Amino acid sequence: MRIAITGGTKGMGRAIAESFAEKGAEIAVAERNPKGLELMRTDFESRFPDVNLITAKADLSKKEEVLHFANIFKEQWDGLDI
């Protein structure tokens, strides 16, 4: 399963990412805060070493950054489930 999450480094987004990681999903996370993305990657590499985690700094209120996020995971995946 492949899932895209916005604002996934904290709160509900983070909880959703962790829940899907426990099930072995591939996860793409967009977040405005690069430090949050770095911390999440470090944590997931430790806790979920077999999960493919794609992270991208993106402000989704800006169209060009939405397109950038979409292109990042489109390069690696042939589709998205959630």
N, C-alpha and C. Protein backbone atom coordinates (compact mmCIF):
# COMPACT_ATOMS: atom_id res chain seq x y z
N MET A 1 0.85 -1.18 0.00
CA MET A 1 0.00 0.00 0.00
C MET A 1 0.89 1.24 0.00
N ARG A 2 0.49 2.22 -0.76
CA ARG A 2 1.22 3.50 -0.85
C ARG A 2 0.32 4.63 -0.41
N ILE A 3 0.84 5.45 0.49
CA ILE A 3 0.03 6.50 1.09
C ILE A 3 0.81 7.83 1.10
N ALA A 4 0.11 8.93 0.81
CA ALA A 4 0.69 10.27 0.90
C ALA A 4 0.04 10.97 2.08
N ILE A 5 0.86 11.63 2.90
CA ILE A 5 0.38 12.32 4.08
C ILE A 5 0.94 13.74 4.08
N THR A 6 0.09 14.70 4.30
CA THR A 6 0.55 16.07 4.44
C THR A 6 0.59 16.43 5.91
N GLY A 7 1.59 17.21 6.31
CA GLY A 7 1.73 17.55 7.72
C GLY A 7 1.95 16.30 8.55
N GLY A 8 2.75 15.38 8.03
CA GLY A 8 2.88 14.07 8.65
C GLY A 8 3.93 13.93 9.72
N THR A 9 4.59 15.00 10.11
CA THR A 9 5.66 14.85 11.10
C THR A 9 5.20 15.02 12.54
N LYS A 10 3.95 15.41 12.73
CA LYS A 10 3.45 15.58 14.11
C LYS A 10 1.94 15.40 14.13
N GLY A 11 1.42 15.27 15.33
CA GLY A 11 -0.03 15.19 15.52
C GLY A 11 -0.67 14.01 14.81
N MET A 12 -1.85 14.27 14.27
CA MET A 12 -2.63 13.21 13.60
C MET A 12 -1.90 12.64 12.38
N GLY A 13 -1.24 13.52 11.62
CA GLY A 13 -0.49 13.04 10.46
C GLY A 13 0.59 12.05 10.85
N ARG A 14 1.29 12.35 11.91
CA ARG A 14 2.35 11.45 12.40
C ARG A 14 1.75 10.13 12.87
N ALA A 15 0.64 10.20 13.61
CA ALA A 15 -0.02 8.98 14.10
C ALA A 15 -0.47 8.11 12.93
N ILE A 16 -1.00 8.73 11.90
CA ILE A 16 -1.42 7.99 10.70
C ILE A 16 -0.21 7.34 10.04
N ALA A 17 0.88 8.09 9.89
CA ALA A 17 2.09 7.55 9.27
C ALA A 17 2.61 6.35 10.06
N GLU A 18 2.64 6.45 11.37
CA GLU A 18 3.13 5.35 12.20
C GLU A 18 2.22 4.13 12.08
N SER A 19 0.91 4.36 12.06
CA SER A 19 -0.03 3.25 11.94
C SER A 19 0.17 2.50 10.63
N PHE A 20 0.33 3.24 9.54
CA PHE A 20 0.55 2.59 8.25
C PHE A 20 1.94 1.96 8.17
N ALA A 21 2.93 2.57 8.79
CA ALA A 21 4.28 2.00 8.81
C ALA A 21 4.28 0.64 9.52
N GLU A 22 3.51 0.52 10.59
CA GLU A 22 3.40 -0.75 11.30
C GLU A 22 2.85 -1.85 10.41
N LYS A 23 2.07 -1.46 9.40
CA LYS A 23 1.48 -2.41 8.45
C LYS A 23 2.35 -2.60 7.21
N GLY A 24 3.51 -1.91 7.18
CA GLY A 24 4.44 -2.08 6.08
C GLY A 24 4.16 -1.23 4.85
N ALA A 25 3.34 -0.21 4.99
CA ALA A 25 3.01 0.66 3.86
C ALA A 25 4.22 1.49 3.43
N GLU A 26 4.21 1.88 2.17
CA GLU A 26 5.16 2.86 1.66
C GLU A 26 4.53 4.23 1.89
N ILE A 27 5.31 5.19 2.40
CA ILE A 27 4.74 6.45 2.86
C ILE A 27 5.49 7.63 2.26
N ALA A 28 4.73 8.59 1.73
CA ALA A 28 5.30 9.87 1.28
C ALA A 28 4.74 10.95 2.19
N VAL A 29 5.62 11.76 2.76
CA VAL A 29 5.21 12.80 3.70
C VAL A 29 5.67 14.17 3.19
N ALA A 30 4.72 15.11 3.17
CA ALA A 30 5.03 16.50 2.86
C ALA A 30 4.92 17.31 4.14
N GLU A 31 5.87 18.21 4.32
CA GLU A 31 5.91 19.03 5.53
C GLU A 31 6.69 20.30 5.22
N ARG A 32 6.28 21.40 5.81
CA ARG A 32 7.00 22.66 5.60
C ARG A 32 8.30 22.73 6.38
N ASN A 33 8.39 22.00 7.48
CA ASN A 33 9.53 22.09 8.39
C ASN A 33 10.58 21.02 8.06
N PRO A 34 11.71 21.40 7.47
CA PRO A 34 12.72 20.39 7.12
C PRO A 34 13.30 19.67 8.34
N LYS A 35 13.40 20.35 9.48
CA LYS A 35 13.90 19.70 10.69
C LYS A 35 12.96 18.58 11.13
N GLY A 36 11.66 18.82 11.05
CA GLY A 36 10.68 17.79 11.38
C GLY A 36 10.80 16.58 10.47
N LEU A 37 11.06 16.82 9.18
CA LEU A 37 11.25 15.72 8.24
C LEU A 37 12.49 14.91 8.58
N GLU A 38 13.55 15.61 8.93
CA GLU A 38 14.80 14.95 9.30
C GLU A 38 14.62 14.07 10.54
N LEU A 39 13.95 14.62 11.55
CA LEU A 39 13.70 13.85 12.78
C LEU A 39 12.81 12.64 12.51
N MET A 40 11.81 12.83 11.66
CA MET A 40 10.91 11.72 11.33
C MET A 40 11.68 10.62 10.60
N ARG A 41 12.51 11.00 9.64
CA ARG A 41 13.28 10.01 8.89
C ARG A 41 14.17 9.20 9.83
N THR A 42 14.86 9.89 10.73
CA THR A 42 15.74 9.21 11.69
C THR A 42 14.94 8.23 12.55
N ASP A 43 13.80 8.67 13.05
CA ASP A 43 12.95 7.83 13.88
C ASP A 43 12.44 6.61 13.11
N PHE A 44 11.95 6.85 11.89
CA PHE A 44 11.39 5.75 11.10
C PHE A 44 12.48 4.76 10.68
N GLU A 45 13.68 5.23 10.37
CA GLU A 45 14.77 4.32 10.01
C GLU A 45 15.09 3.38 11.16
N SER A 46 14.94 3.88 12.38
CA SER A 46 15.19 3.07 13.56
C SER A 46 14.02 2.12 13.87
N ARG A 47 12.81 2.66 13.86
CA ARG A 47 11.63 1.89 14.27
C ARG A 47 11.02 1.04 13.17
N PHE A 48 11.12 1.50 11.93
CA PHE A 48 10.49 0.81 10.79
C PHE A 48 11.52 0.68 9.66
N PRO A 49 12.58 -0.08 9.86
CA PRO A 49 13.67 -0.11 8.88
C PRO A 49 13.29 -0.61 7.50
N ASP A 50 12.23 -1.37 7.38
CA ASP A 50 11.84 -1.92 6.08
C ASP A 50 10.84 -1.04 5.33
N VAL A 51 10.41 0.06 5.93
CA VAL A 51 9.41 0.94 5.31
C VAL A 51 10.09 1.93 4.38
N ASN A 52 9.55 2.05 3.17
CA ASN A 52 10.01 3.05 2.22
C ASN A 52 9.34 4.37 2.58
N LEU A 53 10.14 5.31 3.09
CA LEU A 53 9.63 6.63 3.49
C LEU A 53 10.19 7.68 2.56
N ILE A 54 9.31 8.38 1.87
CA ILE A 54 9.69 9.51 1.03
C ILE A 54 9.31 10.77 1.78
N THR A 55 10.25 11.69 1.92
CA THR A 55 9.94 12.96 2.59
C THR A 55 10.22 14.11 1.64
N ALA A 56 9.41 15.15 1.75
CA ALA A 56 9.61 16.32 0.91
C ALA A 56 9.20 17.57 1.66
N LYS A 57 10.08 18.57 1.63
CA LYS A 57 9.72 19.88 2.17
C LYS A 57 8.76 20.51 1.17
N ALA A 58 7.56 20.82 1.65
CA ALA A 58 6.57 21.40 0.75
C ALA A 58 5.54 22.20 1.53
N ASP A 59 5.24 23.38 1.04
CA ASP A 59 4.15 24.21 1.54
C ASP A 59 3.00 24.02 0.57
N LEU A 60 2.02 23.25 0.98
CA LEU A 60 0.95 22.87 0.07
C LEU A 60 -0.06 23.97 -0.22
N SER A 61 0.21 25.17 0.29
CA SER A 61 -0.61 26.32 -0.12
C SER A 61 -0.04 26.94 -1.40
N LYS A 62 1.09 26.38 -1.87
CA LYS A 62 1.73 26.87 -3.09
C LYS A 62 1.69 25.79 -4.17
N LYS A 63 1.05 26.12 -5.27
CA LYS A 63 0.84 25.14 -6.34
C LYS A 63 2.13 24.48 -6.80
N GLU A 64 3.19 25.25 -6.98
CA GLU A 64 4.44 24.67 -7.47
C GLU A 64 5.02 23.66 -6.49
N GLU A 65 4.79 23.85 -5.20
CA GLU A 65 5.29 22.90 -4.21
C GLU A 65 4.42 21.65 -4.14
N VAL A 66 3.14 21.80 -4.40
CA VAL A 66 2.25 20.63 -4.51
C VAL A 66 2.72 19.76 -5.67
N LEU A 67 2.98 20.39 -6.81
CA LEU A 67 3.44 19.66 -7.99
C LEU A 67 4.80 19.00 -7.73
N HIS A 68 5.67 19.70 -7.03
CA HIS A 68 6.97 19.14 -6.68
C HIS A 68 6.81 17.88 -5.82
N PHE A 69 5.95 17.94 -4.81
CA PHE A 69 5.69 16.79 -3.95
C PHE A 69 5.15 15.62 -4.77
N ALA A 70 4.19 15.91 -5.63
CA ALA A 70 3.61 14.86 -6.47
C ALA A 70 4.67 14.22 -7.37
N ASN A 71 5.52 15.03 -7.94
CA ASN A 71 6.56 14.50 -8.84
C ASN A 71 7.57 13.64 -8.11
N ILE A 72 7.86 13.98 -6.85
CA ILE A 72 8.81 13.18 -6.08
C ILE A 72 8.32 11.75 -5.95
N PHE A 73 7.07 11.56 -5.53
CA PHE A 73 6.65 10.16 -5.37
C PHE A 73 6.25 9.52 -6.69
N LYS A 74 5.85 10.29 -7.69
CA LYS A 74 5.56 9.72 -9.01
C LYS A 74 6.80 9.12 -9.65
N GLU A 75 7.97 9.67 -9.35
CA GLU A 75 9.21 9.13 -9.88
C GLU A 75 9.51 7.74 -9.33
N GLN A 76 9.02 7.45 -8.13
CA GLN A 76 9.34 6.18 -7.48
C GLN A 76 8.20 5.17 -7.50
N TRP A 77 6.98 5.66 -7.58
CA TRP A 77 5.82 4.78 -7.51
C TRP A 77 5.00 4.88 -8.79
N ASP A 78 4.29 3.81 -9.09
CA ASP A 78 3.42 3.85 -10.27
C ASP A 78 1.98 4.19 -9.91
N GLY A 79 1.72 4.49 -8.66
CA GLY A 79 0.38 4.87 -8.23
C GLY A 79 0.35 5.17 -6.74
N LEU A 80 -0.81 5.58 -6.30
CA LEU A 80 -1.01 5.96 -4.91
C LEU A 80 -2.33 5.35 -4.46
N ASP A 81 -2.34 4.75 -3.28
CA ASP A 81 -3.56 4.13 -2.77
C ASP A 81 -4.38 5.06 -1.89
N ILE A 82 -3.69 5.83 -1.06
CA ILE A 82 -4.39 6.75 -0.14
C ILE A 82 -3.66 8.06 -0.13
